[in-house]
PDB file of N, CA and C in Angstrom:
ATOM      1  N   UNK A   1     165.655 -62.509 -76.174  1.00  0.00           N
ATOM      2  CA  UNK A   1     164.854 -61.359 -75.806  1.00  0.00           C
ATOM      3  C   UNK A   1     165.438 -60.123 -76.505  1.00  0.00           C
ATOM      4  N   UNK A   2     164.584 -59.346 -77.097  1.00  0.00           N
ATOM      5  CA  UNK A   2     165.015 -58.154 -77.819  1.00  0.00           C
ATOM      6  C   UNK A   2     164.752 -56.916 -76.977  1.00  0.00           C
ATOM      7  N   UNK A   3     165.735 -56.052 -76.944  1.00  0.00           N
ATOM      8  CA  UNK A   3     165.585 -54.806 -76.184  1.00  0.00           C
ATOM      9  C   UNK A   3     164.763 -53.801 -76.974  1.00  0.00           C
ATOM     10  N   UNK A   4     164.002 -53.024 -76.272  1.00  0.00           N
ATOM     11  CA  UNK A   4     163.141 -52.060 -76.952  1.00  0.00           C
ATOM     12  C   UNK A   4     163.876 -50.774 -77.328  1.00  0.00           C
ATOM     13  N   UNK A   5     165.043 -50.544 -76.766  1.00  0.00           N
ATOM     14  CA  UNK A   5     165.770 -49.302 -77.065  1.00  0.00           C
ATOM     15  C   UNK A   5     166.953 -49.542 -78.004  1.00  0.00           C
ATOM     16  N   UNK A   6     166.854 -50.545 -78.848  1.00  0.00           N
ATOM     17  CA  UNK A   6     167.946 -50.827 -79.779  1.00  0.00           C
ATOM     18  C   UNK A   6     167.927 -49.820 -80.933  1.00  0.00           C
ATOM     19  N   UNK A   7     169.134 -49.533 -81.437  1.00  0.00           N
ATOM     20  CA  UNK A   7     169.296 -48.604 -82.557  1.00  0.00           C
ATOM     21  C   UNK A   7     170.175 -49.249 -83.610  1.00  0.00           C
ATOM     22  N   UNK A   8     170.012 -48.805 -84.835  1.00  0.00           N
ATOM     23  CA  UNK A   8     170.890 -49.255 -85.905  1.00  0.00           C
ATOM     24  C   UNK A   8     172.259 -48.632 -85.703  1.00  0.00           C
ATOM     25  N   UNK A   9     173.283 -49.368 -86.080  1.00  0.00           N
ATOM     26  CA  UNK A   9     174.646 -48.873 -85.935  1.00  0.00           C
ATOM     27  C   UNK A   9     174.872 -47.616 -86.768  1.00  0.00           C
ATOM     28  N   UNK A  10     174.209 -47.497 -87.916  1.00  0.00           N
ATOM     29  CA  UNK A  10     174.377 -46.306 -88.760  1.00  0.00           C
ATOM     30  C   UNK A  10     173.864 -45.058 -88.045  1.00  0.00           C
ATOM     31  N   UNK A  11     172.776 -45.172 -87.311  1.00  0.00           N
ATOM     32  CA  UNK A  11     172.244 -44.024 -86.562  1.00  0.00           C
ATOM     33  C   UNK A  11     173.190 -43.634 -85.437  1.00  0.00           C
ATOM     34  N   UNK A  12     173.781 -44.618 -84.792  1.00  0.00           N
ATOM     35  CA  UNK A  12     174.730 -44.341 -83.711  1.00  0.00           C
ATOM     36  C   UNK A  12     175.972 -43.659 -84.265  1.00  0.00           C
ATOM     37  N   UNK A  13     176.503 -44.163 -85.378  1.00  0.00           N
ATOM     38  CA  UNK A  13     177.685 -43.553 -85.993  1.00  0.00           C
ATOM     39  C   UNK A  13     177.393 -42.138 -86.470  1.00  0.00           C
ATOM     40  N   UNK A  14     176.242 -41.940 -87.077  1.00  0.00           N
ATOM     41  CA  UNK A  14     175.859 -40.600 -87.551  1.00  0.00           C
ATOM     42  C   UNK A  14     175.799 -39.615 -86.398  1.00  0.00           C
ATOM     43  N   UNK A  15     175.193 -40.020 -85.291  1.00  0.00           N
ATOM     44  CA  UNK A  15     175.099 -39.153 -84.120  1.00  0.00           C
ATOM     45  C   UNK A  15     176.485 -38.860 -83.536  1.00  0.00           C
ATOM     46  N   UNK A  16     177.345 -39.869 -83.491  1.00  0.00           N
ATOM     47  CA  UNK A  16     178.700 -39.683 -82.983  1.00  0.00           C
ATOM     48  C   UNK A  16     179.474 -38.687 -83.842  1.00  0.00           C
ATOM     49  N   UNK A  17     179.409 -38.856 -85.158  1.00  0.00           N
ATOM     50  CA  UNK A  17     180.118 -37.947 -86.065  1.00  0.00           C
ATOM     51  C   UNK A  17     179.625 -36.518 -85.905  1.00  0.00           C
ATOM     52  N   UNK A  18     178.316 -36.343 -85.767  1.00  0.00           N
ATOM     53  CA  UNK A  18     177.744 -35.010 -85.597  1.00  0.00           C
ATOM     54  C   UNK A  18     178.197 -34.388 -84.276  1.00  0.00           C
ATOM     55  N   UNK A  19     178.156 -35.159 -83.209  1.00  0.00           N
ATOM     56  CA  UNK A  19     178.532 -34.645 -81.883  1.00  0.00           C
ATOM     57  C   UNK A  19     180.013 -34.288 -81.813  1.00  0.00           C
ATOM     58  N   UNK A  20     180.851 -35.025 -82.507  1.00  0.00           N
ATOM     59  CA  UNK A  20     182.292 -34.781 -82.481  1.00  0.00           C
ATOM     60  C   UNK A  20     182.740 -33.768 -83.538  1.00  0.00           C
ATOM     61  N   UNK A  21     181.822 -33.257 -84.327  1.00  0.00           N
ATOM     62  CA  UNK A  21     182.164 -32.263 -85.350  1.00  0.00           C
ATOM     63  C   UNK A  21     182.883 -32.862 -86.543  1.00  0.00           C
ATOM     64  N   UNK A  22     182.660 -34.123 -86.805  1.00  0.00           N
ATOM     65  CA  UNK A  22     183.349 -34.803 -87.900  1.00  0.00           C
ATOM     66  C   UNK A  22     182.471 -35.038 -89.121  1.00  0.00           C
ATOM     67  N   UNK A  23     181.197 -34.742 -89.009  1.00  0.00           N
ATOM     68  CA  UNK A  23     180.281 -35.006 -90.109  1.00  0.00           C
ATOM     69  C   UNK A  23     180.585 -34.128 -91.331  1.00  0.00           C
ATOM     70  N   UNK A  24     180.803 -32.848 -91.117  1.00  0.00           N
ATOM     71  CA  UNK A  24     181.076 -31.937 -92.230  1.00  0.00           C
ATOM     72  C   UNK A  24     182.396 -32.264 -92.931  1.00  0.00           C
ATOM     73  N   UNK A  25     183.506 -32.440 -92.198  1.00  0.00           N
ATOM     74  CA  UNK A  25     184.747 -32.803 -92.900  1.00  0.00           C
ATOM     75  C   UNK A  25     184.644 -34.132 -93.656  1.00  0.00           C
ATOM     76  N   UNK A  26     183.929 -35.082 -93.101  1.00  0.00           N
ATOM     77  CA  UNK A  26     183.753 -36.363 -93.779  1.00  0.00           C
ATOM     78  C   UNK A  26     182.958 -36.182 -95.063  1.00  0.00           C
ATOM     79  N   UNK A  27     181.878 -35.423 -95.021  1.00  0.00           N
ATOM     80  CA  UNK A  27     181.079 -35.173 -96.220  1.00  0.00           C
ATOM     81  C   UNK A  27     181.863 -34.386 -97.263  1.00  0.00           C
ATOM     82  N   UNK A  28     182.699 -33.438 -96.829  1.00  0.00           N
ATOM     83  CA  UNK A  28     183.537 -32.700 -97.775  1.00  0.00           C
ATOM     84  C   UNK A  28     184.514 -33.643 -98.471  1.00  0.00           C
ATOM     85  N   UNK A  29     185.112 -34.531 -97.716  1.00  0.00           N
ATOM     86  CA  UNK A  29     186.050 -35.506 -98.282  1.00  0.00           C
ATOM     87  C   UNK A  29     185.334 -36.415 -99.286  1.00  0.00           C
ATOM     88  N   UNK A  30     184.146 -36.865 -98.930  1.00  0.00           N
ATOM     89  CA  UNK A  30     183.367 -37.712 -99.827  1.00  0.00           C
ATOM     90  C   UNK A  30     183.013 -36.979-101.114  1.00  0.00           C
ATOM     91  N   UNK A  31     182.657 -35.693-101.006  1.00  0.00           N
ATOM     92  CA  UNK A  31     182.288 -34.921-102.189  1.00  0.00           C
ATOM     93  C   UNK A  31     183.492 -34.739-103.106  1.00  0.00           C
ATOM     94  N   UNK A  32     184.634 -34.399-102.548  1.00  0.00           N
ATOM     95  CA  UNK A  32     185.838 -34.210-103.361  1.00  0.00           C
ATOM     96  C   UNK A  32     186.212 -35.511-104.061  1.00  0.00           C
ATOM     97  N   UNK A  33     186.136 -36.622-103.348  1.00  0.00           N
ATOM     98  CA  UNK A  33     186.467 -37.915-103.954  1.00  0.00           C
ATOM     99  C   UNK A  33     185.454 -38.356-104.998  1.00  0.00           C
ATOM    100  N   UNK A  34     184.245 -37.841-104.947  1.00  0.00           N
ATOM    101  CA  UNK A  34     183.228 -38.243-105.920  1.00  0.00           C
ATOM    102  C   UNK A  34     183.259 -37.409-107.196  1.00  0.00           C
ATOM    103  N   UNK A  35     184.104 -36.391-107.261  1.00  0.00           N
ATOM    104  CA  UNK A  35     184.169 -35.515-108.439  1.00  0.00           C
ATOM    105  C   UNK A  35     184.364 -36.332-109.720  1.00  0.00           C
ATOM    106  N   UNK A  36     185.330 -37.219-109.739  1.00  0.00           N
ATOM    107  CA  UNK A  36     185.602 -38.013-110.934  1.00  0.00           C
ATOM    108  C   UNK A  36     184.469 -38.949-111.289  1.00  0.00           C
ATOM    109  N   UNK A  37     183.819 -39.512-110.292  1.00  0.00           N
ATOM    110  CA  UNK A  37     182.711 -40.426-110.525  1.00  0.00           C
ATOM    111  C   UNK A  37     181.506 -39.686-111.110  1.00  0.00           C
ATOM    112  N   UNK A  38     181.229 -38.504-110.586  1.00  0.00           N
ATOM    113  CA  UNK A  38     180.083 -37.723-111.060  1.00  0.00           C
ATOM    114  C   UNK A  38     180.369 -37.110-112.428  1.00  0.00           C
ATOM    115  N   UNK A  39     181.572 -36.589-112.617  1.00  0.00           N
ATOM    116  CA  UNK A  39     181.882 -35.861-113.842  1.00  0.00           C
ATOM    117  C   UNK A  39     182.382 -36.750-114.981  1.00  0.00           C
ATOM    118  N   UNK A  40     182.967 -37.885-114.659  1.00  0.00           N
ATOM    119  CA  UNK A  40     183.480 -38.791-115.685  1.00  0.00           C
ATOM    120  C   UNK A  40     184.967 -38.599-115.931  1.00  0.00           C
ATOM    121  N   UNK A  41     185.542 -39.586-116.586  1.00  0.00           N
ATOM    122  CA  UNK A  41     186.992 -39.594-116.819  1.00  0.00           C
ATOM    123  C   UNK A  41     187.446 -38.499-117.781  1.00  0.00           C
ATOM    124  N   UNK A  42     186.610 -38.115-118.715  1.00  0.00           N
ATOM    125  CA  UNK A  42     186.985 -37.061-119.665  1.00  0.00           C
ATOM    126  C   UNK A  42     187.272 -35.739-118.982  1.00  0.00           C
ATOM    127  N   UNK A  43     186.428 -35.364-118.056  1.00  0.00           N
ATOM    128  CA  UNK A  43     186.621 -34.107-117.327  1.00  0.00           C
ATOM    129  C   UNK A  43     187.689 -34.278-116.261  1.00  0.00           C
ATOM    130  N   UNK A  44     187.741 -35.439-115.637  1.00  0.00           N
ATOM    131  CA  UNK A  44     188.745 -35.696-114.604  1.00  0.00           C
ATOM    132  C   UNK A  44     190.158 -35.551-115.154  1.00  0.00           C
ATOM    133  N   UNK A  45     190.341 -35.874-116.412  1.00  0.00           N
ATOM    134  CA  UNK A  45     191.649 -35.762-117.048  1.00  0.00           C
ATOM    135  C   UNK A  45     192.162 -34.310-117.057  1.00  0.00           C
ATOM    136  N   UNK A  46     191.253 -33.338-117.114  1.00  0.00           N
ATOM    137  CA  UNK A  46     191.627 -31.923-117.148  1.00  0.00           C
ATOM    138  C   UNK A  46     191.522 -31.248-115.781  1.00  0.00           C
ATOM    139  N   UNK A  47     191.286 -32.035-114.736  1.00  0.00           N
ATOM    140  CA  UNK A  47     191.098 -31.492-113.397  1.00  0.00           C
ATOM    141  C   UNK A  47     192.399 -31.530-112.619  1.00  0.00           C
ATOM    142  N   UNK A  48     192.678 -30.427-111.915  1.00  0.00           N
ATOM    143  CA  UNK A  48     193.844 -30.348-111.040  1.00  0.00           C
ATOM    144  C   UNK A  48     193.410 -30.409-109.592  1.00  0.00           C
ATOM    145  N   UNK A  49     193.819 -29.425-108.830  1.00  0.00           N
ATOM    146  CA  UNK A  49     193.492 -29.375-107.402  1.00  0.00           C
ATOM    147  C   UNK A  49     192.003 -29.142-107.175  1.00  0.00           C
ATOM    148  N   UNK A  50     191.483 -29.780-106.131  1.00  0.00           N
ATOM    149  CA  UNK A  50     190.089 -29.601-105.722  1.00  0.00           C
ATOM    150  C   UNK A  50     190.078 -29.419-104.212  1.00  0.00           C
ATOM    151  N   UNK A  51     189.379 -28.368-103.748  1.00  0.00           N
ATOM    152  CA  UNK A  51     189.223 -28.177-102.308  1.00  0.00           C
ATOM    153  C   UNK A  51     187.943 -27.408-102.032  1.00  0.00           C
ATOM    154  N   UNK A  52     187.506 -27.463-100.771  1.00  0.00           N
ATOM    155  CA  UNK A  52     186.289 -26.773-100.351  1.00  0.00           C
ATOM    156  C   UNK A  52     186.645 -25.763 -99.283  1.00  0.00           C
ATOM    157  N   UNK A  53     186.112 -24.548 -99.445  1.00  0.00           N
ATOM    158  CA  UNK A  53     186.296 -23.491 -98.460  1.00  0.00           C
ATOM    159  C   UNK A  53     185.009 -22.684 -98.397  1.00  0.00           C
ATOM    160  N   UNK A  54     184.457 -22.535 -97.210  1.00  0.00           N
ATOM    161  CA  UNK A  54     183.223 -21.768 -97.002  1.00  0.00           C
ATOM    162  C   UNK A  54     182.090 -22.234 -97.917  1.00  0.00           C
ATOM    163  N   UNK A  55     181.878 -23.517 -97.978  1.00  0.00           N
ATOM    164  CA  UNK A  55     180.811 -24.150 -98.765  1.00  0.00           C
ATOM    165  C   UNK A  55     180.930 -23.888-100.260  1.00  0.00           C
ATOM    166  N   UNK A  56     182.115 -23.541-100.725  1.00  0.00           N
ATOM    167  CA  UNK A  56     182.367 -23.357-102.149  1.00  0.00           C
ATOM    168  C   UNK A  56     183.409 -24.371-102.580  1.00  0.00           C
ATOM    169  N   UNK A  57     183.102 -25.116-103.634  1.00  0.00           N
ATOM    170  CA  UNK A  57     184.037 -26.071-104.192  1.00  0.00           C
ATOM    171  C   UNK A  57     184.913 -25.348-105.205  1.00  0.00           C
ATOM    172  N   UNK A  58     186.216 -25.423-105.008  1.00  0.00           N
ATOM    173  CA  UNK A  58     187.178 -24.823-105.928  1.00  0.00           C
ATOM    174  C   UNK A  58     187.816 -25.940-106.741  1.00  0.00           C
ATOM    175  N   UNK A  59     187.726 -25.827-108.062  1.00  0.00           N
ATOM    176  CA  UNK A  59     188.225 -26.868-108.952  1.00  0.00           C
ATOM    177  C   UNK A  59     189.150 -26.233-109.978  1.00  0.00           C
ATOM    178  N   UNK A  60     190.365 -26.748-110.059  1.00  0.00           N
ATOM    179  CA  UNK A  60     191.319 -26.279-111.060  1.00  0.00           C
ATOM    180  C   UNK A  60     191.080 -27.064-112.343  1.00  0.00           C
ATOM    181  N   UNK A  61     190.800 -26.350-113.424  1.00  0.00           N
ATOM    182  CA  UNK A  61     190.563 -26.958-114.735  1.00  0.00           C
ATOM    183  C   UNK A  61     191.654 -26.474-115.678  1.00  0.00           C
ATOM    184  N   UNK A  62     192.306 -27.416-116.376  1.00  0.00           N
ATOM    185  CA  UNK A  62     193.442 -27.099-117.235  1.00  0.00           C
ATOM    186  C   UNK A  62     193.059 -26.746-118.670  1.00  0.00           C
ATOM    187  N   UNK A  63     191.778 -26.733-118.973  1.00  0.00           N
ATOM    188  CA  UNK A  63     191.312 -26.386-120.308  1.00  0.00           C
ATOM    189  C   UNK A  63     190.364 -25.195-120.206  1.00  0.00           C
ATOM    190  N   UNK A  64     190.710 -24.104-120.877  1.00  0.00           N
ATOM    191  CA  UNK A  64     189.867 -22.906-120.795  1.00  0.00           C
ATOM    192  C   UNK A  64     188.496 -23.132-121.439  1.00  0.00           C
ATOM    193  N   UNK A  65     188.431 -23.938-122.491  1.00  0.00           N
ATOM    194  CA  UNK A  65     187.158 -24.227-123.151  1.00  0.00           C
ATOM    195  C   UNK A  65     186.260 -25.033-122.210  1.00  0.00           C
ATOM    196  N   UNK A  66     186.818 -26.046-121.574  1.00  0.00           N
ATOM    197  CA  UNK A  66     186.055 -26.860-120.636  1.00  0.00           C
ATOM    198  C   UNK A  66     185.631 -26.043-119.424  1.00  0.00           C
ATOM    199  N   UNK A  67     186.529 -25.177-118.960  1.00  0.00           N
ATOM    200  CA  UNK A  67     186.217 -24.317-117.816  1.00  0.00           C
ATOM    201  C   UNK A  67     185.005 -23.439-118.132  1.00  0.00           C
ATOM    202  N   UNK A  68     184.976 -22.850-119.309  1.00  0.00           N
ATOM    203  CA  UNK A  68     183.857 -21.993-119.715  1.00  0.00           C
ATOM    204  C   UNK A  68     182.567 -22.795-119.817  1.00  0.00           C
ATOM    205  N   UNK A  69     182.662 -23.998-120.339  1.00  0.00           N
ATOM    206  CA  UNK A  69     181.489 -24.860-120.473  1.00  0.00           C
ATOM    207  C   UNK A  69     180.944 -25.254-119.094  1.00  0.00           C
ATOM    208  N   UNK A  70     181.817 -25.596-118.160  1.00  0.00           N
ATOM    209  CA  UNK A  70     181.392 -25.976-116.819  1.00  0.00           C
ATOM    210  C   UNK A  70     180.798 -24.790-116.050  1.00  0.00           C
ATOM    211  N   UNK A  71     181.299 -23.590-116.323  1.00  0.00           N
ATOM    212  CA  UNK A  71     180.771 -22.394-115.655  1.00  0.00           C
ATOM    213  C   UNK A  71     179.283 -22.204-115.949  1.00  0.00           C
ATOM    214  N   UNK A  72     178.874 -22.584-117.140  1.00  0.00           N
ATOM    215  CA  UNK A  72     177.483 -22.406-117.541  1.00  0.00           C
ATOM    216  C   UNK A  72     176.530 -23.327-116.775  1.00  0.00           C
ATOM    217  N   UNK A  73     177.051 -24.439-116.275  1.00  0.00           N
ATOM    218  CA  UNK A  73     176.178 -25.402-115.598  1.00  0.00           C
ATOM    219  C   UNK A  73     176.553 -25.588-114.127  1.00  0.00           C
ATOM    220  N   UNK A  74     177.049 -24.529-113.491  1.00  0.00           N
ATOM    221  CA  UNK A  74     177.491 -24.620-112.092  1.00  0.00           C
ATOM    222  C   UNK A  74     176.399 -25.068-111.138  1.00  0.00           C
ATOM    223  N   UNK A  75     175.220 -24.487-111.212  1.00  0.00           N
ATOM    224  CA  UNK A  75     174.155 -24.831-110.264  1.00  0.00           C
ATOM    225  C   UNK A  75     173.699 -26.276-110.419  1.00  0.00           C
ATOM    226  N   UNK A  76     173.646 -26.754-111.638  1.00  0.00           N
ATOM    227  CA  UNK A  76     173.285 -28.163-111.856  1.00  0.00           C
ATOM    228  C   UNK A  76     174.364 -29.083-111.287  1.00  0.00           C
ATOM    229  N   UNK A  77     175.619 -28.688-111.420  1.00  0.00           N
ATOM    230  CA  UNK A  77     176.721 -29.480-110.868  1.00  0.00           C
ATOM    231  C   UNK A  77     176.678 -29.502-109.343  1.00  0.00           C
ATOM    232  N   UNK A  78     176.367 -28.367-108.737  1.00  0.00           N
ATOM    233  CA  UNK A  78     176.234 -28.304-107.276  1.00  0.00           C
ATOM    234  C   UNK A  78     175.160 -29.285-106.827  1.00  0.00           C
ATOM    235  N   UNK A  79     174.046 -29.262-107.499  1.00  0.00           N
ATOM    236  CA  UNK A  79     172.931 -30.148-107.143  1.00  0.00           C
ATOM    237  C   UNK A  79     173.320 -31.613-107.330  1.00  0.00           C
ATOM    238  N   UNK A  80     173.971 -31.949-108.438  1.00  0.00           N
ATOM    239  CA  UNK A  80     174.367 -33.337-108.705  1.00  0.00           C
ATOM    240  C   UNK A  80     175.374 -33.843-107.679  1.00  0.00           C
ATOM    241  N   UNK A  81     176.354 -33.015-107.330  1.00  0.00           N
ATOM    242  CA  UNK A  81     177.370 -33.441-106.366  1.00  0.00           C
ATOM    243  C   UNK A  81     176.769 -33.635-104.977  1.00  0.00           C
ATOM    244  N   UNK A  82     175.930 -32.694-104.554  1.00  0.00           N
ATOM    245  CA  UNK A  82     175.284 -32.821-103.243  1.00  0.00           C
ATOM    246  C   UNK A  82     174.373 -34.045-103.192  1.00  0.00           C
ATOM    247  N   UNK A  83     173.632 -34.286-104.258  1.00  0.00           N
ATOM    248  CA  UNK A  83     172.745 -35.448-104.308  1.00  0.00           C
ATOM    249  C   UNK A  83     173.532 -36.751-104.299  1.00  0.00           C
ATOM    250  N   UNK A  84     174.697 -36.737-104.909  1.00  0.00           N
ATOM    251  CA  UNK A  84     175.511 -37.952-104.984  1.00  0.00           C
ATOM    252  C   UNK A  84     175.941 -38.433-103.594  1.00  0.00           C
ATOM    253  N   UNK A  85     176.193 -37.501-102.693  1.00  0.00           N
ATOM    254  CA  UNK A  85     176.614 -37.911-101.344  1.00  0.00           C
ATOM    255  C   UNK A  85     175.497 -37.757-100.324  1.00  0.00           C
ATOM    256  N   UNK A  86     174.303 -37.381-100.779  1.00  0.00           N
ATOM    257  CA  UNK A  86     173.127 -37.244 -99.901  1.00  0.00           C
ATOM    258  C   UNK A  86     173.348 -36.274 -98.748  1.00  0.00           C
ATOM    259  N   UNK A  87     173.972 -35.138 -99.039  1.00  0.00           N
ATOM    260  CA  UNK A  87     174.193 -34.105 -98.021  1.00  0.00           C
ATOM    261  C   UNK A  87     174.373 -32.761 -98.706  1.00  0.00           C
ATOM    262  N   UNK A  88     173.985 -31.692 -98.034  1.00  0.00           N
ATOM    263  CA  UNK A  88     174.166 -30.334 -98.548  1.00  0.00           C
ATOM    264  C   UNK A  88     175.528 -29.840 -98.076  1.00  0.00           C
ATOM    265  N   UNK A  89     176.561 -30.026 -98.905  1.00  0.00           N
ATOM    266  CA  UNK A  89     177.928 -29.684 -98.536  1.00  0.00           C
ATOM    267  C   UNK A  89     178.364 -28.380 -99.173  1.00  0.00           C
ATOM    268  N   UNK A  90     178.039 -28.197-100.448  1.00  0.00           N
ATOM    269  CA  UNK A  90     178.480 -26.994-101.156  1.00  0.00           C
ATOM    270  C   UNK A  90     177.271 -26.212-101.660  1.00  0.00           C
ATOM    271  N   UNK A  91     177.489 -24.917-101.818  1.00  0.00           N
ATOM    272  CA  UNK A  91     176.455 -24.048-102.379  1.00  0.00           C
ATOM    273  C   UNK A  91     176.888 -23.406-103.704  1.00  0.00           C
ATOM    274  N   UNK A  92     178.176 -23.508-104.013  1.00  0.00           N
ATOM    275  CA  UNK A  92     178.695 -22.892-105.241  1.00  0.00           C
ATOM    276  C   UNK A  92     179.954 -23.632-105.676  1.00  0.00           C
ATOM    277  N   UNK A  93     180.319 -23.436-106.945  1.00  0.00           N
ATOM    278  CA  UNK A  93     181.568 -23.982-107.499  1.00  0.00           C
ATOM    279  C   UNK A  93     182.305 -22.842-108.172  1.00  0.00           C
ATOM    280  N   UNK A  94     183.601 -22.781-107.948  1.00  0.00           N
ATOM    281  CA  UNK A  94     184.467 -21.828-108.621  1.00  0.00           C
ATOM    282  C   UNK A  94     185.510 -22.613-109.404  1.00  0.00           C
ATOM    283  N   UNK A  95     185.606 -22.335-110.680  1.00  0.00           N
ATOM    284  CA  UNK A  95     186.613 -22.977-111.535  1.00  0.00           C
ATOM    285  C   UNK A  95     187.747 -21.988-111.729  1.00  0.00           C
ATOM    286  N   UNK A  96     188.955 -22.457-111.543  1.00  0.00           N
ATOM    287  CA  UNK A  96     190.115 -21.577-111.728  1.00  0.00           C
ATOM    288  C   UNK A  96     191.168 -22.260-112.547  1.00  0.00           C
TER     289      UNK A  96
END
């Protein structure tokens, strides 16, 4: 006999994370870890510290030429990173 009020485990976990205030930190962690996958190994090689503060992703880039090039495509990068994890986590990127 099947119950009529059954839910998928993913919906239950999502609701639990939201209620406990863990959804945002988890999505931030996922976004930071996906930087190398989205950007590729070439850019990852020049990347230092990465962190998120106030919906802004801060990325340390060790090449001034690459930093300037990435600055030109910040909004596209924001969109690609958010789409990669299926959540609106960041609104801007700052390269330093």
